[in-house]
Amino acid sequence: MKADPTPESEPSVCAVIVTYRPDPIVLERSIAALIPQVDGILVVDNGSPAETVVRLRHLPDPCRLLENDRNFGVGAAQNRGIRWTAKRGFSHVLLLDQDSFAEPRMVAMLMMHGRRIAARTDRPAVVGPCILDPRSGHHLPFVTFGRFFVQRRWCCSPTDRPTGVPTDFLIASGMLVPQIVSERVGPMDEGFFVDNTDLEWCFRARNLGVSLFGICGARLRHHLGDRVTRLNIGPGVTVFRHTPLRQYY
């Protein structure tokens, strides 16, 4: 890891990856894609088996590992990681899941557009990439919530919507958060444990006037749900399904 930055230094990004029983090969590939893009990588493990933790302890630089002795949930692990990055002076935190894969220049594109949006709106913004589920080949839209409907905005190409896509919700994986925004909005609600942690945080951020933008030119490969089912309705509808245990939490 590069020398710990100070608040007065150039913007710096630390990726925070929450793990729980990760596929080691997938995780190592994800980290390899991140290493040239960020200033630091922190893995927060949520009580994986001992043999998994041993392997995590040998991840390459610039990785650091925080070990939880049991699964405290995604929100608690993210909060621990965010606090760690703040204490070390990183200006931005990039939240990621253990199976997410950042395409080349994803972080650079997020940072560049985040700076442009901040200059345009005179306030820091939270930005996130265009999400591609590799199993279905589908990109996810960015959404805004109206009183009676949900408006979906799609990225047709990496150069689409160059000023960013205003949105009310960003998936936590790939979300780039300035520390100043994190401090204002507050921590993730740890009571949600897995799902809806990011949704609640984004609603809280929007209620405080924080801008959220999707960036079409930043791409992240990310698995949504445990299974993908395609329904033959018109052009086809894709449903991302979770296991009963995931639904319980």
C-alpha atoms as a PDB file:
ATOM      1  CA  MET A   1       0.000   0.000   0.000  1.00  0.00           C
ATOM      2  CA  LYS A   2       1.163   3.494  -0.740  1.00  0.00           C
ATOM      3  CA  ALA A   3       2.150   5.677   2.187  1.00  0.00           C
ATOM      4  CA  ASP A   4      -0.918   6.666   4.148  1.00  0.00           C
ATOM      5  CA  PRO A   5      -2.263   9.884   2.661  1.00  0.00           C
ATOM      6  CA  THR A   6      -3.119  12.951   4.659  1.00  0.00           C
ATOM      7  CA  PRO A   7      -6.295  15.017   4.319  1.00  0.00           C
ATOM      8  CA  GLU A   8      -4.286  17.734   2.556  1.00  0.00           C
ATOM      9  CA  SER A   9      -2.862  15.382  -0.073  1.00  0.00           C
ATOM     10  CA  GLU A  10      -4.179  14.551  -3.527  1.00  0.00           C
ATOM     11  CA  PRO A  11      -7.444  12.587  -3.717  1.00  0.00           C
ATOM     12  CA  SER A  12      -6.882   8.945  -2.843  1.00  0.00           C
ATOM     13  CA  VAL A  13      -9.130   5.900  -3.114  1.00  0.00           C
ATOM     14  CA  CYS A  14      -9.226   2.841  -0.894  1.00  0.00           C
ATOM     15  CA  ALA A  15     -11.376  -0.082  -1.992  1.00  0.00           C
ATOM     16  CA  VAL A  16     -13.248  -1.870   0.793  1.00  0.00           C
ATOM     17  CA  ILE A  17     -14.197  -5.445  -0.098  1.00  0.00           C
ATOM     18  CA  VAL A  18     -16.476  -7.388   2.238  1.00  0.00           C
ATOM     19  CA  THR A  19     -15.943 -11.154   2.114  1.00  0.00           C
ATOM     20  CA  TYR A  20     -17.797 -14.162   3.458  1.00  0.00           C
ATOM     21  CA  ARG A  21     -16.680 -17.610   2.307  1.00  0.00           C
ATOM     22  CA  PRO A  22     -15.313 -16.115  -0.959  1.00  0.00           C
ATOM     23  CA  ASP A  23     -14.211 -18.108  -3.970  1.00  0.00           C
ATOM     24  CA  PRO A  24     -10.462 -17.452  -3.623  1.00  0.00           C
ATOM     25  CA  ILE A  25      -9.763 -17.524  -7.360  1.00  0.00           C
ATOM     26  CA  VAL A  26     -12.562 -15.069  -8.147  1.00  0.00           C
ATOM     27  CA  LEU A  27     -11.470 -12.774  -5.319  1.00  0.00           C
ATOM     28  CA  GLU A  28      -7.819 -12.820  -6.388  1.00  0.00           C
ATOM     29  CA  ARG A  29      -8.788 -11.949  -9.961  1.00  0.00           C
ATOM     30  CA  SER A  30     -10.961  -9.102  -8.729  1.00  0.00           C
ATOM     31  CA  ILE A  31      -8.127  -7.744  -6.607  1.00  0.00           C
ATOM     32  CA  ALA A  32      -5.651  -8.057  -9.490  1.00  0.00           C
ATOM     33  CA  ALA A  33      -7.954  -5.864 -11.602  1.00  0.00           C
ATOM     34  CA  LEU A  34      -8.165  -3.302  -8.784  1.00  0.00           C
ATOM     35  CA  ILE A  35      -4.486  -2.997  -7.849  1.00  0.00           C
ATOM     36  CA  PRO A  36      -3.519  -0.604 -10.703  1.00  0.00           C
ATOM     37  CA  GLN A  37      -6.652   1.493 -10.144  1.00  0.00           C
ATOM     38  CA  VAL A  38      -6.653   2.367  -6.420  1.00  0.00           C
ATOM     39  CA  ASP A  39      -4.310   3.585  -3.703  1.00  0.00           C
ATOM     40  CA  GLY A  40      -5.250   0.913  -1.179  1.00  0.00           C
ATOM     41  CA  ILE A  41      -7.368  -2.227  -0.786  1.00  0.00           C
ATOM     42  CA  LEU A  42      -8.943  -3.316   2.489  1.00  0.00           C
ATOM     43  CA  VAL A  43     -10.601  -6.725   2.796  1.00  0.00           C
ATOM     44  CA  VAL A  44     -13.048  -7.038   5.691  1.00  0.00           C
ATOM     45  CA  ASP A  45     -13.811 -10.708   6.268  1.00  0.00           C
ATOM     46  CA  ASN A  46     -17.069 -11.611   7.993  1.00  0.00           C
ATOM     47  CA  GLY A  47     -16.189 -14.807   9.816  1.00  0.00           C
ATOM     48  CA  SER A  48     -15.084 -17.084   6.970  1.00  0.00           C
ATOM     49  CA  PRO A  49     -13.645 -20.530   7.832  1.00  0.00           C
ATOM     50  CA  ALA A  50     -10.086 -20.632   9.158  1.00  0.00           C
ATOM     51  CA  GLU A  51      -8.616 -22.048   5.953  1.00  0.00           C
ATOM     52  CA  THR A  52     -10.142 -19.182   3.968  1.00  0.00           C
ATOM     53  CA  VAL A  53      -8.801 -16.574   6.382  1.00  0.00           C
ATOM     54  CA  VAL A  54      -5.308 -18.065   6.132  1.00  0.00           C
ATOM     55  CA  ARG A  55      -5.425 -17.557   2.381  1.00  0.00           C
ATOM     56  CA  LEU A  56      -6.745 -14.017   2.789  1.00  0.00           C
ATOM     57  CA  ARG A  57      -3.769 -13.194   4.996  1.00  0.00           C
ATOM     58  CA  HIS A  58      -1.494 -13.792   2.012  1.00  0.00           C
ATOM     59  CA  LEU A  59      -3.197 -11.499  -0.493  1.00  0.00           C
ATOM     60  CA  PRO A  60      -0.729  -9.307  -2.439  1.00  0.00           C
ATOM     61  CA  ASP A  61       0.140  -5.708  -1.628  1.00  0.00           C
ATOM     62  CA  PRO A  62      -1.495  -3.234  -1.319  1.00  0.00           C
ATOM     63  CA  CYS A  63      -4.122  -5.408   0.410  1.00  0.00           C
ATOM     64  CA  ARG A  64      -4.811  -5.214   4.118  1.00  0.00           C
ATOM     65  CA  LEU A  65      -7.125  -7.544   6.046  1.00  0.00           C
ATOM     66  CA  LEU A  66      -9.519  -6.941   8.921  1.00  0.00           C
ATOM     67  CA  GLU A  67     -10.934 -10.131  10.437  1.00  0.00           C
ATOM     68  CA  ASN A  68     -14.339 -10.387  12.091  1.00  0.00           C
ATOM     69  CA  ASP A  69     -14.734 -13.467  14.269  1.00  0.00           C
ATOM     70  CA  ARG A  70     -18.291 -14.008  12.975  1.00  0.00           C
ATOM     71  CA  ASN A  71     -20.638 -12.729  10.302  1.00  0.00           C
ATOM     72  CA  PHE A  72     -21.815  -9.313  11.472  1.00  0.00           C
ATOM     73  CA  GLY A  73     -23.544  -8.536   8.169  1.00  0.00           C
ATOM     74  CA  VAL A  74     -22.595  -6.440   5.177  1.00  0.00           C
ATOM     75  CA  GLY A  75     -23.415  -3.070   6.741  1.00  0.00           C
ATOM     76  CA  ALA A  76     -21.310  -3.669   9.849  1.00  0.00           C
ATOM     77  CA  ALA A  77     -18.340  -4.829   7.766  1.00  0.00           C
ATOM     78  CA  GLN A  78     -18.641  -1.832   5.444  1.00  0.00           C
ATOM     79  CA  ASN A  79     -18.804   0.528   8.407  1.00  0.00           C
ATOM     80  CA  ARG A  80     -15.669  -0.980   9.902  1.00  0.00           C
ATOM     81  CA  GLY A  81     -13.882  -0.595   6.572  1.00  0.00           C
ATOM     82  CA  ILE A  82     -15.044   2.994   6.077  1.00  0.00           C
ATOM     83  CA  ARG A  83     -13.825   3.953   9.551  1.00  0.00           C
ATOM     84  CA  TRP A  84     -10.450   2.332   8.804  1.00  0.00           C
ATOM     85  CA  THR A  85     -10.025   4.310   5.565  1.00  0.00           C
ATOM     86  CA  ALA A  86     -11.081   7.572   7.209  1.00  0.00           C
ATOM     87  CA  LYS A  87      -8.527   7.187   9.996  1.00  0.00           C
ATOM     88  CA  ARG A  88      -5.806   6.741   7.378  1.00  0.00           C
ATOM     89  CA  GLY A  89      -6.751   9.855   5.436  1.00  0.00           C
ATOM     90  CA  PHE A  90      -8.137   8.375   2.225  1.00  0.00           C
ATOM     91  CA  SER A  91     -10.380  10.932   0.554  1.00  0.00           C
ATOM     92  CA  HIS A  92     -12.691   8.358  -1.079  1.00  0.00           C
ATOM     93  CA  VAL A  93     -13.889   4.849  -0.320  1.00  0.00           C
ATOM     94  CA  LEU A  94     -14.893   2.414  -3.070  1.00  0.00           C
ATOM     95  CA  LEU A  95     -17.290  -0.249  -1.800  1.00  0.00           C
ATOM     96  CA  LEU A  96     -17.142  -3.647  -3.504  1.00  0.00           C
ATOM     97  CA  ASP A  97     -18.536  -7.151  -3.142  1.00  0.00           C
ATOM     98  CA  GLN A  98     -16.243 -10.162  -3.215  1.00  0.00           C
ATOM     99  CA  ASP A  99     -17.361 -11.257  -6.702  1.00  0.00           C
ATOM    100  CA  SER A 100     -17.311  -7.836  -8.396  1.00  0.00           C
ATOM    101  CA  PHE A 101     -14.823  -7.187 -11.189  1.00  0.00           C
ATOM    102  CA  ALA A 102     -13.802  -3.637 -12.071  1.00  0.00           C
ATOM    103  CA  GLU A 103     -13.121  -3.173 -15.754  1.00  0.00           C
ATOM    104  CA  PRO A 104     -10.029  -1.124 -16.742  1.00  0.00           C
ATOM    105  CA  ARG A 105     -10.184   2.576 -15.800  1.00  0.00           C
ATOM    106  CA  MET A 106     -13.426   2.153 -13.875  1.00  0.00           C
ATOM    107  CA  VAL A 107     -12.096   4.014 -10.846  1.00  0.00           C
ATOM    108  CA  ALA A 108     -10.447   6.724 -12.972  1.00  0.00           C
ATOM    109  CA  MET A 109     -13.747   7.325 -14.769  1.00  0.00           C
ATOM    110  CA  LEU A 110     -15.654   7.512 -11.481  1.00  0.00           C
ATOM    111  CA  MET A 111     -13.145   9.969 -10.026  1.00  0.00           C
ATOM    112  CA  MET A 112     -13.082  12.143 -13.141  1.00  0.00           C
ATOM    113  CA  HIS A 113     -16.861  12.395 -13.388  1.00  0.00           C
ATOM    114  CA  GLY A 114     -17.199  12.847  -9.633  1.00  0.00           C
ATOM    115  CA  ARG A 115     -14.902  15.883  -9.808  1.00  0.00           C
ATOM    116  CA  ARG A 116     -16.804  17.317 -12.777  1.00  0.00           C
ATOM    117  CA  ILE A 117     -20.170  16.871 -11.065  1.00  0.00           C
ATOM    118  CA  ALA A 118     -18.843  18.449  -7.868  1.00  0.00           C
ATOM    119  CA  ALA A 119     -17.572  21.442  -9.855  1.00  0.00           C
ATOM    120  CA  ARG A 120     -20.892  21.753 -11.660  1.00  0.00           C
ATOM    121  CA  THR A 121     -23.126  21.403  -8.608  1.00  0.00           C
ATOM    122  CA  ASP A 122     -20.744  22.992  -6.081  1.00  0.00           C
ATOM    123  CA  ARG A 123     -21.042  19.975  -3.787  1.00  0.00           C
ATOM    124  CA  PRO A 124     -19.464  16.501  -3.660  1.00  0.00           C
ATOM    125  CA  ALA A 125     -21.440  13.685  -5.231  1.00  0.00           C
ATOM    126  CA  VAL A 126     -21.594   9.916  -4.879  1.00  0.00           C
ATOM    127  CA  VAL A 127     -21.043   8.094  -8.176  1.00  0.00           C
ATOM    128  CA  GLY A 128     -21.378   4.509  -9.297  1.00  0.00           C
ATOM    129  CA  PRO A 129     -20.600   2.453 -12.419  1.00  0.00           C
ATOM    130  CA  CYS A 130     -22.810   0.826 -14.998  1.00  0.00           C
ATOM    131  CA  ILE A 131     -23.411  -2.722 -13.715  1.00  0.00           C
ATOM    132  CA  LEU A 132     -23.193  -5.723 -16.043  1.00  0.00           C
ATOM    133  CA  ASP A 133     -24.334  -9.150 -14.871  1.00  0.00           C
ATOM    134  CA  PRO A 134     -22.061 -11.518 -16.845  1.00  0.00           C
ATOM    135  CA  ARG A 135     -24.514 -14.441 -16.607  1.00  0.00           C
ATOM    136  CA  SER A 136     -27.336 -12.646 -18.404  1.00  0.00           C
ATOM    137  CA  GLY A 137     -25.235 -10.174 -20.387  1.00  0.00           C
ATOM    138  CA  HIS A 138     -27.627  -7.424 -19.284  1.00  0.00           C
ATOM    139  CA  HIS A 139     -26.695  -3.997 -17.986  1.00  0.00           C
ATOM    140  CA  LEU A 140     -28.732  -2.638 -15.097  1.00  0.00           C
ATOM    141  CA  PRO A 141     -30.473   0.714 -15.453  1.00  0.00           C
ATOM    142  CA  PHE A 142     -30.125   3.624 -13.076  1.00  0.00           C
ATOM    143  CA  VAL A 143     -33.425   4.467 -11.423  1.00  0.00           C
ATOM    144  CA  THR A 144     -35.327   7.373  -9.925  1.00  0.00           C
ATOM    145  CA  PHE A 145     -38.388   6.825  -7.752  1.00  0.00           C
ATOM    146  CA  GLY A 146     -41.553   8.822  -8.402  1.00  0.00           C
ATOM    147  CA  ARG A 147     -44.746   8.768  -6.377  1.00  0.00           C
ATOM    148  CA  PHE A 148     -46.435   6.287  -8.696  1.00  0.00           C
ATOM    149  CA  PHE A 149     -43.664   4.864 -10.862  1.00  0.00           C
ATOM    150  CA  VAL A 150     -39.988   4.011 -11.201  1.00  0.00           C
ATOM    151  CA  GLN A 151     -38.107   5.646 -14.058  1.00  0.00           C
ATOM    152  CA  ARG A 152     -35.277   3.591 -15.537  1.00  0.00           C
ATOM    153  CA  ARG A 153     -32.393   5.177 -17.426  1.00  0.00           C
ATOM    154  CA  TRP A 154     -30.173   2.832 -19.449  1.00  0.00           C
ATOM    155  CA  CYS A 155     -26.613   3.260 -20.638  1.00  0.00           C
ATOM    156  CA  CYS A 156     -26.629   2.443 -24.344  1.00  0.00           C
ATOM    157  CA  SER A 157     -22.834   2.767 -24.636  1.00  0.00           C
ATOM    158  CA  PRO A 158     -19.826   3.843 -22.519  1.00  0.00           C
ATOM    159  CA  THR A 159     -20.046   7.306 -24.081  1.00  0.00           C
ATOM    160  CA  ASP A 160     -23.763   7.679 -23.381  1.00  0.00           C
ATOM    161  CA  ARG A 161     -24.903  10.460 -20.994  1.00  0.00           C
ATOM    162  CA  PRO A 162     -21.441  12.047 -20.564  1.00  0.00           C
ATOM    163  CA  THR A 163     -22.587  14.341 -17.740  1.00  0.00           C
ATOM    164  CA  GLY A 164     -23.721  11.374 -15.649  1.00  0.00           C
ATOM    165  CA  VAL A 165     -27.140   9.885 -14.956  1.00  0.00           C
ATOM    166  CA  PRO A 166     -28.971  11.387 -11.953  1.00  0.00           C
ATOM    167  CA  THR A 167     -30.300   8.539  -9.832  1.00  0.00           C
ATOM    168  CA  ASP A 168     -31.906   7.881  -6.457  1.00  0.00           C
ATOM    169  CA  PHE A 169     -30.139   4.590  -5.827  1.00  0.00           C
ATOM    170  CA  LEU A 170     -26.723   3.073  -6.414  1.00  0.00           C
ATOM    171  CA  ILE A 171     -25.797  -0.534  -5.706  1.00  0.00           C
ATOM    172  CA  ALA A 172     -23.172  -0.536  -2.958  1.00  0.00           C
ATOM    173  CA  SER A 173     -20.752  -2.572  -5.043  1.00  0.00           C
ATOM    174  CA  GLY A 174     -18.898  -0.029  -7.146  1.00  0.00           C
ATOM    175  CA  MET A 175     -20.184   2.995  -5.238  1.00  0.00           C
ATOM    176  CA  LEU A 176     -17.480   5.659  -4.817  1.00  0.00           C
ATOM    177  CA  VAL A 177     -18.138   7.782  -1.735  1.00  0.00           C
ATOM    178  CA  PRO A 178     -16.172  10.895  -0.729  1.00  0.00           C
ATOM    179  CA  GLN A 179     -15.331  10.705   2.956  1.00  0.00           C
ATOM    180  CA  ILE A 180     -16.932  14.109   3.500  1.00  0.00           C
ATOM    181  CA  VAL A 181     -20.237  12.661   2.244  1.00  0.00           C
ATOM    182  CA  SER A 182     -19.877   9.513   4.343  1.00  0.00           C
ATOM    183  CA  GLU A 183     -19.400  11.645   7.449  1.00  0.00           C
ATOM    184  CA  ARG A 184     -22.461  13.726   6.620  1.00  0.00           C
ATOM    185  CA  VAL A 185     -24.821  10.850   5.819  1.00  0.00           C
ATOM    186  CA  GLY A 186     -23.568   8.566   8.561  1.00  0.00           C
ATOM    187  CA  PRO A 187     -22.895   4.824   8.666  1.00  0.00           C
ATOM    188  CA  MET A 188     -24.765   2.008   7.007  1.00  0.00           C
ATOM    189  CA  ASP A 189     -27.753   0.725   8.994  1.00  0.00           C
ATOM    190  CA  GLU A 190     -26.378  -2.558  10.328  1.00  0.00           C
ATOM    191  CA  GLY A 191     -29.848  -3.893  11.112  1.00  0.00           C
ATOM    192  CA  PHE A 192     -30.469  -4.796   7.467  1.00  0.00           C
ATOM    193  CA  PHE A 193     -27.618  -7.333   7.582  1.00  0.00           C
ATOM    194  CA  VAL A 194     -27.464  -8.045   3.791  1.00  0.00           C
ATOM    195  CA  ASP A 195     -30.024  -6.589   1.405  1.00  0.00           C
ATOM    196  CA  ASN A 196     -31.376  -3.026   1.353  1.00  0.00           C
ATOM    197  CA  THR A 197     -28.410  -1.642   3.298  1.00  0.00           C
ATOM    198  CA  ASP A 198     -27.358   0.389   0.265  1.00  0.00           C
ATOM    199  CA  LEU A 199     -30.950   1.342  -0.589  1.00  0.00           C
ATOM    200  CA  GLU A 200     -31.580   2.823   2.854  1.00  0.00           C
ATOM    201  CA  TRP A 201     -28.242   4.670   2.837  1.00  0.00           C
ATOM    202  CA  CYS A 202     -28.970   6.184  -0.582  1.00  0.00           C
ATOM    203  CA  PHE A 203     -32.437   7.315   0.533  1.00  0.00           C
ATOM    204  CA  ARG A 204     -30.870   8.955   3.585  1.00  0.00           C
ATOM    205  CA  ALA A 205     -28.256  10.633   1.392  1.00  0.00           C
ATOM    206  CA  ARG A 206     -30.855  11.952  -1.055  1.00  0.00           C
ATOM    207  CA  ASN A 207     -32.946  13.260   1.844  1.00  0.00           C
ATOM    208  CA  LEU A 208     -29.928  15.314   2.915  1.00  0.00           C
ATOM    209  CA  GLY A 209     -29.516  16.756  -0.576  1.00  0.00           C
ATOM    210  CA  VAL A 210     -26.581  14.559  -1.656  1.00  0.00           C
ATOM    211  CA  SER A 211     -26.452  13.975  -5.415  1.00  0.00           C
ATOM    212  CA  LEU A 212     -26.097  10.428  -6.754  1.00  0.00           C
ATOM    213  CA  PHE A 213     -24.986   9.832 -10.339  1.00  0.00           C
ATOM    214  CA  GLY A 214     -24.465   6.752 -12.480  1.00  0.00           C
ATOM    215  CA  ILE A 215     -21.499   6.857 -14.842  1.00  0.00           C
ATOM    216  CA  CYS A 216     -21.969   5.007 -18.139  1.00  0.00           C
ATOM    217  CA  GLY A 217     -18.258   5.044 -18.963  1.00  0.00           C
ATOM    218  CA  ALA A 218     -17.348   3.188 -15.747  1.00  0.00           C
ATOM    219  CA  ARG A 219     -18.098  -0.531 -15.970  1.00  0.00           C
ATOM    220  CA  LEU A 220     -18.378  -3.167 -13.230  1.00  0.00           C
ATOM    221  CA  ARG A 221     -19.123  -6.853 -13.697  1.00  0.00           C
ATOM    222  CA  HIS A 222     -21.248  -7.954 -10.776  1.00  0.00           C
ATOM    223  CA  HIS A 223     -23.436 -10.980  -9.986  1.00  0.00           C
ATOM    224  CA  LEU A 224     -26.935 -10.011  -8.872  1.00  0.00           C
ATOM    225  CA  GLY A 225     -28.697 -12.714  -6.908  1.00  0.00           C
ATOM    226  CA  ASP A 226     -27.786 -16.387  -6.755  1.00  0.00           C
ATOM    227  CA  ARG A 227     -29.544 -17.436  -9.952  1.00  0.00           C
ATOM    228  CA  VAL A 228     -30.742 -15.784 -13.136  1.00  0.00           C
ATOM    229  CA  THR A 229     -34.058 -16.747 -14.747  1.00  0.00           C
ATOM    230  CA  ARG A 230     -35.154 -15.423 -18.112  1.00  0.00           C
ATOM    231  CA  LEU A 231     -38.908 -15.189 -18.684  1.00  0.00           C
ATOM    232  CA  ASN A 232     -40.257 -15.332 -22.231  1.00  0.00           C
ATOM    233  CA  ILE A 233     -42.406 -12.234 -21.997  1.00  0.00           C
ATOM    234  CA  GLY A 234     -42.157 -10.136 -25.132  1.00  0.00           C
ATOM    235  CA  PRO A 235     -38.435  -9.504 -25.706  1.00  0.00           C
ATOM    236  CA  GLY A 236     -37.683 -11.396 -22.486  1.00  0.00           C
ATOM    237  CA  VAL A 237     -37.508 -10.390 -18.843  1.00  0.00           C
ATOM    238  CA  THR A 238     -34.606 -11.328 -16.586  1.00  0.00           C
ATOM    239  CA  VAL A 239     -35.277 -12.131 -12.937  1.00  0.00           C
ATOM    240  CA  PHE A 240     -32.425 -12.245 -10.408  1.00  0.00           C
ATOM    241  CA  ARG A 241     -33.274 -14.770  -7.702  1.00  0.00           C
ATOM    242  CA  HIS A 242     -31.904 -15.248  -4.175  1.00  0.00           C
ATOM    243  CA  THR A 243     -31.735 -18.419  -2.103  1.00  0.00           C
ATOM    244  CA  PRO A 244     -34.301 -18.888   0.714  1.00  0.00           C
ATOM    245  CA  LEU A 245     -31.573 -18.152   3.291  1.00  0.00           C
ATOM    246  CA  ARG A 246     -30.756 -14.834   1.583  1.00  0.00           C
ATOM    247  CA  GLN A 247     -34.460 -13.971   1.417  1.00  0.00           C
ATOM    248  CA  TYR A 248     -34.738 -14.662   5.141  1.00  0.00           C
ATOM    249  CA  TYR A 249     -32.100 -12.084   5.972  1.00  0.00           C
END
